[in-house]
């Protein structure tokens, strides 16, 4: 398994990222949150990171949740 992490989703809303992180965890996909948002002005994105090997499965789950597929 590749130990390389890749961004699967980004948003400016922390609640959206945390909701998706829990959804991935429920589907046995390990992830972590990388907050690149400025703490004063709240500019920038918060990224949800997964292992490269889990990217396609995670993207499918996120798209299904967001009714993109």
N, C-alpha and C. Protein backbone atom coordinates (compact mmCIF):
# COMPACT_ATOMS: atom_id res chain seq x y z
N UNK A 1 0.84 -1.19 0.00
CA UNK A 1 0.00 0.00 0.00
C UNK A 1 0.88 1.24 0.00
N UNK A 2 0.54 2.17 -0.84
CA UNK A 2 1.27 3.43 -0.90
C UNK A 2 0.98 4.26 0.33
N UNK A 3 2.00 4.83 0.91
CA UNK A 3 1.84 5.67 2.09
C UNK A 3 1.69 7.15 1.71
N UNK A 4 1.51 7.42 0.44
CA UNK A 4 1.39 8.79 -0.02
C UNK A 4 -0.04 9.28 0.15
N UNK A 5 -0.19 10.47 0.70
CA UNK A 5 -1.50 11.08 0.92
C UNK A 5 -1.84 11.99 -0.25
N UNK A 6 -3.14 12.07 -0.56
CA UNK A 6 -3.60 12.89 -1.68
C UNK A 6 -4.91 13.59 -1.28
N UNK A 7 -5.10 14.78 -1.79
CA UNK A 7 -6.30 15.56 -1.50
C UNK A 7 -7.48 14.99 -2.28
N UNK A 8 -8.54 14.60 -1.57
CA UNK A 8 -9.72 14.04 -2.22
C UNK A 8 -10.86 15.04 -2.27
N UNK A 9 -10.85 16.04 -1.38
CA UNK A 9 -11.93 17.03 -1.35
C UNK A 9 -11.43 18.27 -0.62
N UNK A 10 -11.89 19.43 -1.04
CA UNK A 10 -11.53 20.68 -0.38
C UNK A 10 -12.76 21.56 -0.23
N UNK A 11 -12.80 22.31 0.85
CA UNK A 11 -13.92 23.20 1.12
C UNK A 11 -13.46 24.28 2.09
N UNK A 12 -14.20 25.36 2.15
CA UNK A 12 -13.92 26.39 3.14
C UNK A 12 -14.73 26.17 4.42
N UNK A 13 -15.58 25.13 4.40
CA UNK A 13 -16.47 24.87 5.54
C UNK A 13 -15.99 23.64 6.31
N UNK A 14 -15.55 23.84 7.55
CA UNK A 14 -15.01 22.75 8.35
C UNK A 14 -16.07 21.68 8.63
N UNK A 15 -17.32 22.09 8.81
CA UNK A 15 -18.36 21.09 9.11
C UNK A 15 -18.54 20.13 7.94
N UNK A 16 -18.40 20.62 6.72
CA UNK A 16 -18.54 19.77 5.54
C UNK A 16 -17.39 18.75 5.47
N UNK A 17 -16.19 19.21 5.75
CA UNK A 17 -15.02 18.33 5.75
C UNK A 17 -15.16 17.26 6.83
N UNK A 18 -15.57 17.65 8.03
CA UNK A 18 -15.71 16.70 9.13
C UNK A 18 -16.81 15.68 8.87
N UNK A 19 -17.87 16.10 8.25
CA UNK A 19 -18.95 15.18 7.89
C UNK A 19 -18.45 14.12 6.90
N UNK A 20 -17.71 14.57 5.90
CA UNK A 20 -17.16 13.64 4.91
C UNK A 20 -16.09 12.75 5.52
N UNK A 21 -15.29 13.28 6.43
CA UNK A 21 -14.27 12.48 7.11
C UNK A 21 -14.92 11.32 7.86
N UNK A 22 -16.02 11.60 8.55
CA UNK A 22 -16.75 10.56 9.27
C UNK A 22 -17.37 9.55 8.31
N UNK A 23 -17.88 10.03 7.19
CA UNK A 23 -18.45 9.14 6.18
C UNK A 23 -17.38 8.18 5.64
N UNK A 24 -16.19 8.70 5.37
CA UNK A 24 -15.10 7.85 4.90
C UNK A 24 -14.68 6.85 5.97
N UNK A 25 -14.63 7.30 7.21
CA UNK A 25 -14.27 6.41 8.31
C UNK A 25 -15.28 5.27 8.43
N UNK A 26 -16.55 5.57 8.25
CA UNK A 26 -17.60 4.53 8.27
C UNK A 26 -17.41 3.51 7.15
N UNK A 27 -16.70 3.91 6.10
CA UNK A 27 -16.43 3.01 4.97
C UNK A 27 -14.99 2.49 4.99
N UNK A 28 -14.38 2.51 6.17
CA UNK A 28 -13.03 1.97 6.39
C UNK A 28 -11.95 2.65 5.55
N UNK A 29 -12.09 3.95 5.36
CA UNK A 29 -11.07 4.73 4.65
C UNK A 29 -10.47 5.71 5.64
N UNK A 30 -9.16 5.56 5.86
CA UNK A 30 -8.45 6.44 6.77
C UNK A 30 -8.24 7.79 6.08
N UNK A 31 -8.43 8.86 6.84
CA UNK A 31 -8.24 10.20 6.27
C UNK A 31 -7.82 11.16 7.38
N UNK A 32 -7.36 12.33 6.97
CA UNK A 32 -7.09 13.39 7.93
C UNK A 32 -7.39 14.74 7.29
N UNK A 33 -7.56 15.73 8.14
CA UNK A 33 -7.91 17.08 7.69
C UNK A 33 -6.66 17.94 7.70
N UNK A 34 -6.41 18.62 6.60
CA UNK A 34 -5.30 19.54 6.46
C UNK A 34 -5.89 20.94 6.30
N UNK A 35 -5.81 21.73 7.36
CA UNK A 35 -6.42 23.05 7.36
C UNK A 35 -5.42 24.08 6.84
N UNK A 36 -5.67 24.60 5.65
CA UNK A 36 -4.83 25.63 5.04
C UNK A 36 -5.51 26.99 5.10
N UNK A 37 -6.53 27.08 5.91
CA UNK A 37 -7.32 28.31 6.02
C UNK A 37 -6.63 29.29 6.97
N UNK A 38 -6.59 30.55 6.57
CA UNK A 38 -6.05 31.60 7.42
C UNK A 38 -6.92 31.74 8.65
N UNK A 39 -6.32 31.78 9.82
CA UNK A 39 -7.09 31.80 11.07
C UNK A 39 -7.77 33.14 11.35
N UNK A 40 -7.32 34.21 10.76
CA UNK A 40 -7.91 35.52 11.02
C UNK A 40 -9.00 35.85 10.00
N UNK A 41 -8.67 35.70 8.72
CA UNK A 41 -9.59 36.10 7.67
C UNK A 41 -10.41 34.96 7.08
N UNK A 42 -10.12 33.73 7.49
CA UNK A 42 -10.81 32.54 7.01
C UNK A 42 -10.79 32.42 5.49
N UNK A 43 -9.64 32.75 4.92
CA UNK A 43 -9.42 32.65 3.48
C UNK A 43 -8.64 31.36 3.23
N UNK A 44 -9.02 30.63 2.21
CA UNK A 44 -8.32 29.40 1.86
C UNK A 44 -9.20 28.18 2.09
N UNK A 45 -8.64 27.04 1.79
CA UNK A 45 -9.41 25.80 1.86
C UNK A 45 -8.92 24.89 2.98
N UNK A 46 -9.81 24.02 3.35
CA UNK A 46 -9.52 22.92 4.26
C UNK A 46 -9.59 21.67 3.40
N UNK A 47 -8.53 20.85 3.44
CA UNK A 47 -8.44 19.70 2.55
C UNK A 47 -8.65 18.40 3.33
N UNK A 48 -9.32 17.47 2.69
CA UNK A 48 -9.51 16.13 3.23
C UNK A 48 -8.55 15.21 2.48
N UNK A 49 -7.64 14.60 3.21
CA UNK A 49 -6.58 13.80 2.62
C UNK A 49 -6.83 12.31 2.87
N UNK A 50 -6.55 11.50 1.84
CA UNK A 50 -6.66 10.04 1.95
C UNK A 50 -5.40 9.42 1.33
N UNK A 51 -5.18 8.14 1.64
CA UNK A 51 -4.09 7.42 0.97
C UNK A 51 -4.38 7.36 -0.52
N UNK A 52 -3.33 7.43 -1.31
CA UNK A 52 -3.46 7.39 -2.77
C UNK A 52 -4.23 6.14 -3.22
N UNK A 53 -3.99 5.02 -2.58
CA UNK A 53 -4.67 3.77 -2.95
C UNK A 53 -6.17 3.81 -2.68
N UNK A 54 -6.62 4.66 -1.77
CA UNK A 54 -8.03 4.78 -1.43
C UNK A 54 -8.74 5.91 -2.17
N UNK A 55 -8.01 6.64 -3.01
CA UNK A 55 -8.55 7.85 -3.64
C UNK A 55 -9.83 7.58 -4.45
N UNK A 56 -9.80 6.60 -5.33
CA UNK A 56 -10.97 6.36 -6.20
C UNK A 56 -12.20 5.95 -5.40
N UNK A 57 -12.00 5.08 -4.42
CA UNK A 57 -13.12 4.65 -3.58
C UNK A 57 -13.67 5.84 -2.78
N UNK A 58 -12.77 6.65 -2.22
CA UNK A 58 -13.19 7.82 -1.44
C UNK A 58 -13.92 8.83 -2.32
N UNK A 59 -13.40 9.08 -3.51
CA UNK A 59 -14.03 10.03 -4.44
C UNK A 59 -15.42 9.55 -4.82
N UNK A 60 -15.57 8.26 -5.06
CA UNK A 60 -16.88 7.69 -5.39
C UNK A 60 -17.87 7.89 -4.24
N UNK A 61 -17.44 7.64 -3.02
CA UNK A 61 -18.31 7.79 -1.84
C UNK A 61 -18.71 9.25 -1.67
N UNK A 62 -17.76 10.16 -1.82
CA UNK A 62 -18.04 11.59 -1.67
C UNK A 62 -18.99 12.07 -2.76
N UNK A 63 -18.74 11.66 -4.00
CA UNK A 63 -19.62 12.06 -5.11
C UNK A 63 -21.04 11.52 -4.92
N UNK A 64 -21.14 10.29 -4.47
CA UNK A 64 -22.46 9.69 -4.22
C UNK A 64 -23.18 10.45 -3.12
N UNK A 65 -22.46 10.82 -2.07
CA UNK A 65 -23.04 11.58 -0.96
C UNK A 65 -23.53 12.95 -1.44
N UNK A 66 -22.76 13.58 -2.31
CA UNK A 66 -23.11 14.91 -2.83
C UNK A 66 -24.02 14.85 -4.04
N UNK A 67 -24.53 13.66 -4.40
CA UNK A 67 -25.42 13.45 -5.54
C UNK A 67 -24.83 13.93 -6.86
N UNK A 68 -23.54 13.71 -7.03
CA UNK A 68 -22.87 14.10 -8.28
C UNK A 68 -22.99 12.99 -9.31
N UNK A 69 -23.05 11.75 -8.86
CA UNK A 69 -23.15 10.63 -9.79
C UNK A 69 -24.58 10.34 -10.13
